[in-house]
Amino acid sequence: MSASRHEVTVEVFGGTSTIAVTGRASDGTTPQLAALRAAATLRHVHATLTRFDPSSELSRLNADPRTVVPCSPLLRRLAAAVAAAGA
């Protein structure tokens, strides 16, 4: 792997994802830093939205008996995407 490319493999959502970044960003961010940031974001999304961890936000939402439940912008975006996909 050359210095201008970096890969990070992440175990999320029951599978393996590989993030590959090539070149520097206009702000000078290295491929390694960009890949690590992307991996951290993907891990955060997984931790928030997994249904297999009772402490995840999605699991807590599913267990909440209220008809209106406050939730994060990430979970609201997921709900909107699910609604749009079903339309």
PDB file of N, CA and C in Angstrom:
ATOM      1  N   MET A   1       0.848  -1.179   0.000  1.00  0.00           N
ATOM      2  CA  MET A   1       0.000   0.000   0.000  1.00  0.00           C
ATOM      3  C   MET A   1       0.896   1.245   0.000  1.00  0.00           C
ATOM      4  N   SER A   2       0.618   2.168  -0.900  1.00  0.00           N
ATOM      5  CA  SER A   2       1.440   3.373  -0.993  1.00  0.00           C
ATOM      6  C   SER A   2       1.086   4.353   0.116  1.00  0.00           C
ATOM      7  N   ALA A   3       1.942   5.370   0.268  1.00  0.00           N
ATOM      8  CA  ALA A   3       1.733   6.364   1.319  1.00  0.00           C
ATOM      9  C   ALA A   3       0.482   7.201   1.058  1.00  0.00           C
ATOM     10  N   SER A   4      -0.008   7.235  -0.192  1.00  0.00           N
ATOM     11  CA  SER A   4      -1.167   8.072  -0.497  1.00  0.00           C
ATOM     12  C   SER A   4      -2.479   7.298  -0.400  1.00  0.00           C
ATOM     13  N   ARG A   5      -2.439   6.064   0.098  1.00  0.00           N
ATOM     14  CA  ARG A   5      -3.652   5.251   0.254  1.00  0.00           C
ATOM     15  C   ARG A   5      -3.614   4.581   1.622  1.00  0.00           C
ATOM     16  N   HIS A   6      -4.785   4.552   2.273  1.00  0.00           N
ATOM     17  CA  HIS A   6      -4.870   3.880   3.567  1.00  0.00           C
ATOM     18  C   HIS A   6      -6.200   3.147   3.647  1.00  0.00           C
ATOM     19  N   GLU A   7      -6.178   1.938   4.208  1.00  0.00           N
ATOM     20  CA  GLU A   7      -7.382   1.139   4.390  1.00  0.00           C
ATOM     21  C   GLU A   7      -7.574   0.799   5.862  1.00  0.00           C
ATOM     22  N   VAL A   8      -8.835   0.779   6.276  1.00  0.00           N
ATOM     23  CA  VAL A   8      -9.216   0.371   7.618  1.00  0.00           C
ATOM     24  C   VAL A   8     -10.377  -0.607   7.459  1.00  0.00           C
ATOM     25  N   THR A   9     -10.307  -1.731   8.146  1.00  0.00           N
ATOM     26  CA  THR A   9     -11.396  -2.710   8.124  1.00  0.00           C
ATOM     27  C   THR A   9     -12.144  -2.624   9.434  1.00  0.00           C
ATOM     28  N   VAL A  10     -13.486  -2.608   9.341  1.00  0.00           N
ATOM     29  CA  VAL A  10     -14.339  -2.423  10.510  1.00  0.00           C
ATOM     30  C   VAL A  10     -15.407  -3.514  10.513  1.00  0.00           C
ATOM     31  N   GLU A  11     -15.618  -4.127  11.672  1.00  0.00           N
ATOM     32  CA  GLU A  11     -16.693  -5.109  11.838  1.00  0.00           C
ATOM     33  C   GLU A  11     -17.932  -4.360  12.327  1.00  0.00           C
ATOM     34  N   VAL A  12     -18.946  -4.264  11.467  1.00  0.00           N
ATOM     35  CA  VAL A  12     -20.183  -3.568  11.815  1.00  0.00           C
ATOM     36  C   VAL A  12     -21.377  -4.255  11.162  1.00  0.00           C
ATOM     37  N   PHE A  13     -22.521  -4.167  11.822  1.00  0.00           N
ATOM     38  CA  PHE A  13     -23.788  -4.653  11.292  1.00  0.00           C
ATOM     39  C   PHE A  13     -23.705  -6.079  10.771  1.00  0.00           C
ATOM     40  N   GLY A  14     -22.982  -6.917  11.484  1.00  0.00           N
ATOM     41  CA  GLY A  14     -22.905  -8.323  11.128  1.00  0.00           C
ATOM     42  C   GLY A  14     -22.009  -8.642   9.952  1.00  0.00           C
ATOM     43  N   GLY A  15     -21.219  -7.708   9.527  1.00  0.00           N
ATOM     44  CA  GLY A  15     -20.325  -7.939   8.402  1.00  0.00           C
ATOM     45  C   GLY A  15     -19.030  -7.167   8.563  1.00  0.00           C
ATOM     46  N   THR A  16     -18.253  -7.184   7.502  1.00  0.00           N
ATOM     47  CA  THR A  16     -16.973  -6.490   7.492  1.00  0.00           C
ATOM     48  C   THR A  16     -17.009  -5.420   6.419  1.00  0.00           C
ATOM     49  N   SER A  17     -16.626  -4.215   6.776  1.00  0.00           N
ATOM     50  CA  SER A  17     -16.534  -3.111   5.826  1.00  0.00           C
ATOM     51  C   SER A  17     -15.094  -2.641   5.756  1.00  0.00           C
ATOM     52  N   THR A  18     -14.641  -2.368   4.555  1.00  0.00           N
ATOM     53  CA  THR A  18     -13.306  -1.821   4.366  1.00  0.00           C
ATOM     54  C   THR A  18     -13.435  -0.415   3.825  1.00  0.00           C
ATOM     55  N   ILE A  19     -12.779   0.506   4.501  1.00  0.00           N
ATOM     56  CA  ILE A  19     -12.758   1.908   4.082  1.00  0.00           C
ATOM     57  C   ILE A  19     -11.402   2.146   3.447  1.00  0.00           C
ATOM     58  N   ALA A  20     -11.393   2.594   2.209  1.00  0.00           N
ATOM     59  CA  ALA A  20     -10.147   2.875   1.495  1.00  0.00           C
ATOM     60  C   ALA A  20     -10.129   4.341   1.107  1.00  0.00           C
ATOM     61  N   VAL A  21      -9.089   5.034   1.494  1.00  0.00           N
ATOM     62  CA  VAL A  21      -8.946   6.463   1.198  1.00  0.00           C
ATOM     63  C   VAL A  21      -7.652   6.661   0.423  1.00  0.00           C
ATOM     64  N   THR A  22      -7.752   7.394  -0.666  1.00  0.00           N
ATOM     65  CA  THR A  22      -6.594   7.671  -1.507  1.00  0.00           C
ATOM     66  C   THR A  22      -6.406   9.169  -1.632  1.00  0.00           C
ATOM     67  N   GLY A  23      -5.172   9.640  -1.513  1.00  0.00           N
ATOM     68  CA  GLY A  23      -4.860  11.056  -1.679  1.00  0.00           C
ATOM     69  C   GLY A  23      -5.156  11.874  -0.441  1.00  0.00           C
ATOM     70  N   ARG A  24      -4.698  13.107  -0.468  1.00  0.00           N
ATOM     71  CA  ARG A  24      -4.935  14.037   0.639  1.00  0.00           C
ATOM     72  C   ARG A  24      -6.148  14.904   0.337  1.00  0.00           C
ATOM     73  N   ALA A  25      -6.854  15.276   1.390  1.00  0.00           N
ATOM     74  CA  ALA A  25      -7.965  16.212   1.256  1.00  0.00           C
ATOM     75  C   ALA A  25      -7.410  17.615   1.033  1.00  0.00           C
ATOM     76  N   SER A  26      -8.260  18.506   0.567  1.00  0.00           N
ATOM     77  CA  SER A  26      -7.816  19.880   0.302  1.00  0.00           C
ATOM     78  C   SER A  26      -7.313  20.573   1.565  1.00  0.00           C
ATOM     79  N   ASP A  27      -7.779  20.109   2.736  1.00  0.00           N
ATOM     80  CA  ASP A  27      -7.301  20.716   3.985  1.00  0.00           C
ATOM     81  C   ASP A  27      -6.026  20.049   4.501  1.00  0.00           C
ATOM     82  N   GLY A  28      -5.477  19.094   3.730  1.00  0.00           N
ATOM     83  CA  GLY A  28      -4.237  18.441   4.113  1.00  0.00           C
ATOM     84  C   GLY A  28      -4.413  17.174   4.929  1.00  0.00           C
ATOM     85  N   THR A  29      -5.650  16.790   5.216  1.00  0.00           N
ATOM     86  CA  THR A  29      -5.897  15.568   5.972  1.00  0.00           C
ATOM     87  C   THR A  29      -5.304  14.377   5.228  1.00  0.00           C
ATOM     88  N   THR A  30      -4.544  13.576   5.923  1.00  0.00           N
ATOM     89  CA  THR A  30      -3.913  12.409   5.312  1.00  0.00           C
ATOM     90  C   THR A  30      -4.941  11.305   5.090  1.00  0.00           C
ATOM     91  N   PRO A  31      -4.659  10.396   4.165  1.00  0.00           N
ATOM     92  CA  PRO A  31      -5.557   9.253   3.970  1.00  0.00           C
ATOM     93  C   PRO A  31      -5.739   8.437   5.250  1.00  0.00           C
ATOM     94  N   GLN A  32      -4.668   8.283   6.031  1.00  0.00           N
ATOM     95  CA  GLN A  32      -4.769   7.516   7.268  1.00  0.00           C
ATOM     96  C   GLN A  32      -5.758   8.161   8.235  1.00  0.00           C
ATOM     97  N   LEU A  33      -5.635   9.464   8.446  1.00  0.00           N
ATOM     98  CA  LEU A  33      -6.537  10.162   9.358  1.00  0.00           C
ATOM     99  C   LEU A  33      -7.972  10.131   8.835  1.00  0.00           C
ATOM    100  N   ALA A  34      -8.155  10.347   7.545  1.00  0.00           N
ATOM    101  CA  ALA A  34      -9.500  10.326   6.967  1.00  0.00           C
ATOM    102  C   ALA A  34     -10.138   8.949   7.126  1.00  0.00           C
ATOM    103  N   ALA A  35      -9.378   7.879   6.889  1.00  0.00           N
ATOM    104  CA  ALA A  35      -9.902   6.524   7.041  1.00  0.00           C
ATOM    105  C   ALA A  35     -10.255   6.234   8.487  1.00  0.00           C
ATOM    106  N   LEU A  36      -9.414   6.668   9.419  1.00  0.00           N
ATOM    107  CA  LEU A  36      -9.690   6.448  10.837  1.00  0.00           C
ATOM    108  C   LEU A  36     -10.926   7.223  11.283  1.00  0.00           C
ATOM    109  N   ARG A  37     -11.104   8.423  10.788  1.00  0.00           N
ATOM    110  CA  ARG A  37     -12.300   9.209  11.117  1.00  0.00           C
ATOM    111  C   ARG A  37     -13.551   8.537  10.554  1.00  0.00           C
ATOM    112  N   ALA A  38     -13.464   8.051   9.324  1.00  0.00           N
ATOM    113  CA  ALA A  38     -14.604   7.366   8.714  1.00  0.00           C
ATOM    114  C   ALA A  38     -14.941   6.099   9.496  1.00  0.00           C
ATOM    115  N   ALA A  39     -13.932   5.360   9.925  1.00  0.00           N
ATOM    116  CA  ALA A  39     -14.160   4.145  10.712  1.00  0.00           C
ATOM    117  C   ALA A  39     -14.824   4.483  12.044  1.00  0.00           C
ATOM    118  N   ALA A  40     -14.394   5.558  12.673  1.00  0.00           N
ATOM    119  CA  ALA A  40     -15.004   5.978  13.943  1.00  0.00           C
ATOM    120  C   ALA A  40     -16.468   6.346  13.733  1.00  0.00           C
ATOM    121  N   THR A  41     -16.758   7.023  12.632  1.00  0.00           N
ATOM    122  CA  THR A  41     -18.146   7.380  12.327  1.00  0.00           C
ATOM    123  C   THR A  41     -18.985   6.130  12.109  1.00  0.00           C
ATOM    124  N   LEU A  42     -18.453   5.180  11.360  1.00  0.00           N
ATOM    125  CA  LEU A  42     -19.179   3.937  11.098  1.00  0.00           C
ATOM    126  C   LEU A  42     -19.420   3.155  12.385  1.00  0.00           C
ATOM    127  N   ARG A  43     -18.438   3.116  13.267  1.00  0.00           N
ATOM    128  CA  ARG A  43     -18.611   2.435  14.561  1.00  0.00           C
ATOM    129  C   ARG A  43     -19.679   3.133  15.403  1.00  0.00           C
ATOM    130  N   HIS A  44     -19.708   4.459  15.357  1.00  0.00           N
ATOM    131  CA  HIS A  44     -20.722   5.223  16.099  1.00  0.00           C
ATOM    132  C   HIS A  44     -22.121   4.905  15.564  1.00  0.00           C
ATOM    133  N   VAL A  45     -22.262   4.887  14.244  1.00  0.00           N
ATOM    134  CA  VAL A  45     -23.561   4.570  13.643  1.00  0.00           C
ATOM    135  C   VAL A  45     -23.984   3.164  14.057  1.00  0.00           C
ATOM    136  N   HIS A  46     -23.060   2.228  14.005  1.00  0.00           N
ATOM    137  CA  HIS A  46     -23.361   0.851  14.416  1.00  0.00           C
ATOM    138  C   HIS A  46     -23.810   0.807  15.877  1.00  0.00           C
ATOM    139  N   ALA A  47     -23.065   1.445  16.754  1.00  0.00           N
ATOM    140  CA  ALA A  47     -23.392   1.417  18.183  1.00  0.00           C
ATOM    141  C   ALA A  47     -24.747   2.059  18.459  1.00  0.00           C
ATOM    142  N   THR A  48     -25.100   3.067  17.698  1.00  0.00           N
ATOM    143  CA  THR A  48     -26.378   3.757  17.888  1.00  0.00           C
ATOM    144  C   THR A  48     -27.549   2.960  17.340  1.00  0.00           C
ATOM    145  N   LEU A  49     -27.353   2.306  16.201  1.00  0.00           N
ATOM    146  CA  LEU A  49     -28.475   1.711  15.478  1.00  0.00           C
ATOM    147  C   LEU A  49     -28.556   0.191  15.542  1.00  0.00           C
ATOM    148  N   THR A  50     -27.645  -0.470  16.240  1.00  0.00           N
ATOM    149  CA  THR A  50     -27.735  -1.926  16.300  1.00  0.00           C
ATOM    150  C   THR A  50     -28.936  -2.369  17.127  1.00  0.00           C
ATOM    151  N   ARG A  51     -29.607  -3.397  16.672  1.00  0.00           N
ATOM    152  CA  ARG A  51     -30.727  -3.943  17.434  1.00  0.00           C
ATOM    153  C   ARG A  51     -30.287  -5.065  18.361  1.00  0.00           C
ATOM    154  N   PHE A  52     -29.004  -5.434  18.293  1.00  0.00           N
ATOM    155  CA  PHE A  52     -28.496  -6.549  19.080  1.00  0.00           C
ATOM    156  C   PHE A  52     -27.912  -6.126  20.426  1.00  0.00           C
ATOM    157  N   ASP A  53     -27.851  -4.842  20.691  1.00  0.00           N
ATOM    158  CA  ASP A  53     -27.348  -4.332  21.971  1.00  0.00           C
ATOM    159  C   ASP A  53     -28.493  -3.603  22.657  1.00  0.00           C
ATOM    160  N   PRO A  54     -28.960  -4.112  23.783  1.00  0.00           N
ATOM    161  CA  PRO A  54     -30.100  -3.473  24.444  1.00  0.00           C
ATOM    162  C   PRO A  54     -29.838  -2.040  24.891  1.00  0.00           C
ATOM    163  N   SER A  55     -28.575  -1.638  24.948  1.00  0.00           N
ATOM    164  CA  SER A  55     -28.275  -0.270  25.358  1.00  0.00           C
ATOM    165  C   SER A  55     -28.170   0.694  24.172  1.00  0.00           C
ATOM    166  N   SER A  56     -28.291   0.184  22.940  1.00  0.00           N
ATOM    167  CA  SER A  56     -28.222   1.089  21.781  1.00  0.00           C
ATOM    168  C   SER A  56     -29.457   1.987  21.766  1.00  0.00           C
ATOM    169  N   GLU A  57     -29.333   3.099  21.111  1.00  0.00           N
ATOM    170  CA  GLU A  57     -30.469   4.023  21.043  1.00  0.00           C
ATOM    171  C   GLU A  57     -31.656   3.379  20.343  1.00  0.00           C
ATOM    172  N   LEU A  58     -31.417   2.635  19.292  1.00  0.00           N
ATOM    173  CA  LEU A  58     -32.511   1.971  18.576  1.00  0.00           C
ATOM    174  C   LEU A  58     -33.223   0.968  19.482  1.00  0.00           C
ATOM    175  N   SER A  59     -32.478   0.175  20.229  1.00  0.00           N
ATOM    176  CA  SER A  59     -33.098  -0.796  21.141  1.00  0.00           C
ATOM    177  C   SER A  59     -33.892  -0.098  22.231  1.00  0.00           C
ATOM    178  N   ARG A  60     -33.347   0.983  22.763  1.00  0.00           N
ATOM    179  CA  ARG A  60     -34.083   1.730  23.798  1.00  0.00           C
ATOM    180  C   ARG A  60     -35.357   2.329  23.220  1.00  0.00           C
ATOM    181  N   LEU A  61     -35.299   2.818  21.987  1.00  0.00           N
ATOM    182  CA  LEU A  61     -36.485   3.366  21.335  1.00  0.00           C
ATOM    183  C   LEU A  61     -37.535   2.272  21.154  1.00  0.00           C
ATOM    184  N   ASN A  62     -37.102   1.107  20.665  1.00  0.00           N
ATOM    185  CA  ASN A  62     -38.038   0.006  20.450  1.00  0.00           C
ATOM    186  C   ASN A  62     -38.673  -0.472  21.744  1.00  0.00           C
ATOM    187  N   ALA A  63     -37.982  -0.359  22.857  1.00  0.00           N
ATOM    188  CA  ALA A  63     -38.505  -0.822  24.143  1.00  0.00           C
ATOM    189  C   ALA A  63     -39.358   0.230  24.847  1.00  0.00           C
ATOM    190  N   ASP A  64     -39.325   1.451  24.376  1.00  0.00           N
ATOM    191  CA  ASP A  64     -40.037   2.553  25.036  1.00  0.00           C
ATOM    192  C   ASP A  64     -41.523   2.489  24.688  1.00  0.00           C
ATOM    193  N   PRO A  65     -42.396   2.452  25.678  1.00  0.00           N
ATOM    194  CA  PRO A  65     -43.832   2.335  25.397  1.00  0.00           C
ATOM    195  C   PRO A  65     -44.503   3.638  24.962  1.00  0.00           C
ATOM    196  N   ARG A  66     -43.818   4.749  25.076  1.00  0.00           N
ATOM    197  CA  ARG A  66     -44.448   6.027  24.728  1.00  0.00           C
ATOM    198  C   ARG A  66     -44.704   6.116  23.222  1.00  0.00           C
ATOM    199  N   THR A  67     -45.685   6.904  22.844  1.00  0.00           N
ATOM    200  CA  THR A  67     -45.974   7.097  21.420  1.00  0.00           C
ATOM    201  C   THR A  67     -45.055   8.135  20.793  1.00  0.00           C
ATOM    202  N   VAL A  68     -44.531   9.039  21.608  1.00  0.00           N
ATOM    203  CA  VAL A  68     -43.565  10.033  21.148  1.00  0.00           C
ATOM    204  C   VAL A  68     -42.323   9.901  22.020  1.00  0.00           C
ATOM    205  N   VAL A  69     -41.203   9.656  21.368  1.00  0.00           N
ATOM    206  CA  VAL A  69     -39.956   9.428  22.094  1.00  0.00           C
ATOM    207  C   VAL A  69     -38.876  10.331  21.514  1.00  0.00           C
ATOM    208  N   PRO A  70     -38.180  11.097  22.355  1.00  0.00           N
ATOM    209  CA  PRO A  70     -37.085  11.917  21.830  1.00  0.00           C
ATOM    210  C   PRO A  70     -35.963  11.017  21.313  1.00  0.00           C
ATOM    211  N   CYS A  71     -35.327  11.454  20.231  1.00  0.00           N
ATOM    212  CA  CYS A  71     -34.211  10.664  19.693  1.00  0.00           C
ATOM    213  C   CYS A  71     -33.221  11.576  18.981  1.00  0.00           C
ATOM    214  N   SER A  72     -32.074  11.016  18.682  1.00  0.00           N
ATOM    215  CA  SER A  72     -30.982  11.769  18.070  1.00  0.00           C
ATOM    216  C   SER A  72     -31.275  12.075  16.600  1.00  0.00           C
ATOM    217  N   PRO A  73     -30.578  13.053  16.043  1.00  0.00           N
ATOM    218  CA  PRO A  73     -30.722  13.336  14.612  1.00  0.00           C
ATOM    219  C   PRO A  73     -30.398  12.114  13.744  1.00  0.00           C
ATOM    220  N   LEU A  74     -29.430  11.310  14.159  1.00  0.00           N
ATOM    221  CA  LEU A  74     -29.084  10.110  13.394  1.00  0.00           C
ATOM    222  C   LEU A  74     -30.268   9.154  13.326  1.00  0.00           C
ATOM    223  N   LEU A  75     -30.922   8.909  14.439  1.00  0.00           N
ATOM    224  CA  LEU A  75     -32.062   8.006  14.453  1.00  0.00           C
ATOM    225  C   LEU A  75     -33.244   8.596  13.687  1.00  0.00           C
ATOM    226  N   ARG A  76     -33.427   9.911  13.755  1.00  0.00           N
ATOM    227  CA  ARG A  76     -34.490  10.554  12.968  1.00  0.00           C
ATOM    228  C   ARG A  76     -34.220  10.410  11.473  1.00  0.00           C
ATOM    229  N   ARG A  77     -32.944  10.537  11.062  1.00  0.00           N
ATOM    230  CA  ARG A  77     -32.603  10.354   9.639  1.00  0.00           C
ATOM    231  C   ARG A  77     -32.870   8.926   9.197  1.00  0.00           C
ATOM    232  N   LEU A  78     -32.566   7.952  10.062  1.00  0.00           N
ATOM    233  CA  LEU A  78     -32.860   6.557   9.738  1.00  0.00           C
ATOM    234  C   LEU A  78     -34.365   6.368   9.558  1.00  0.00           C
ATOM    235  N   ALA A  79     -35.156   6.891  10.486  1.00  0.00           N
ATOM    236  CA  ALA A  79     -36.609   6.747  10.392  1.00  0.00           C
ATOM    237  C   ALA A  79     -37.142   7.383   9.113  1.00  0.00           C
ATOM    238  N   ALA A  80     -36.614   8.537   8.741  1.00  0.00           N
ATOM    239  CA  ALA A  80     -37.048   9.197   7.515  1.00  0.00           C
ATOM    240  C   ALA A  80     -36.660   8.371   6.280  1.00  0.00           C
ATOM    241  N   ALA A  81     -35.477   7.782   6.295  1.00  0.00           N
ATOM    242  CA  ALA A  81     -35.039   6.947   5.173  1.00  0.00           C
ATOM    243  C   ALA A  81     -35.896   5.690   5.049  1.00  0.00           C
ATOM    244  N   VAL A  82     -36.246   5.100   6.184  1.00  0.00           N
ATOM    245  CA  VAL A  82     -37.110   3.915   6.179  1.00  0.00           C
ATOM    246  C   VAL A  82     -38.489   4.281   5.630  1.00  0.00           C
ATOM    247  N   ALA A  83     -39.021   5.414   6.070  1.00  0.00           N
ATOM    248  CA  ALA A  83     -40.336   5.846   5.581  1.00  0.00           C
ATOM    249  C   ALA A  83     -40.298   6.118   4.083  1.00  0.00           C
ATOM    250  N   ALA A  84     -39.222   6.766   3.608  1.00  0.00           N
ATOM    251  CA  ALA A  84     -39.104   7.057   2.174  1.00  0.00           C
ATOM    252  C   ALA A  84     -38.934   5.779   1.362  1.00  0.00           C
ATOM    253  N   ALA A  85     -38.215   4.811   1.907  1.00  0.00           N
ATOM    254  CA  ALA A  85     -38.009   3.539   1.194  1.00  0.00           C
ATOM    255  C   ALA A  85     -39.299   2.762   1.080  1.00  0.00           C
ATOM    256  N   GLY A  86     -40.172   2.925   2.053  1.00  0.00           N
ATOM    257  CA  GLY A  86     -41.445   2.208   2.042  1.00  0.00           C
ATOM    258  C   GLY A  86     -42.521   2.906   1.240  1.00  0.00           C
ATOM    259  N   ALA A  87     -42.250   4.116   0.794  1.00  0.00           N
ATOM    260  CA  ALA A  87     -43.272   4.879   0.055  1.00  0.00           C
ATOM    261  C   ALA A  87     -43.352   4.461  -1.407  1.00  0.00           C
TER     262      ALA A  87
END
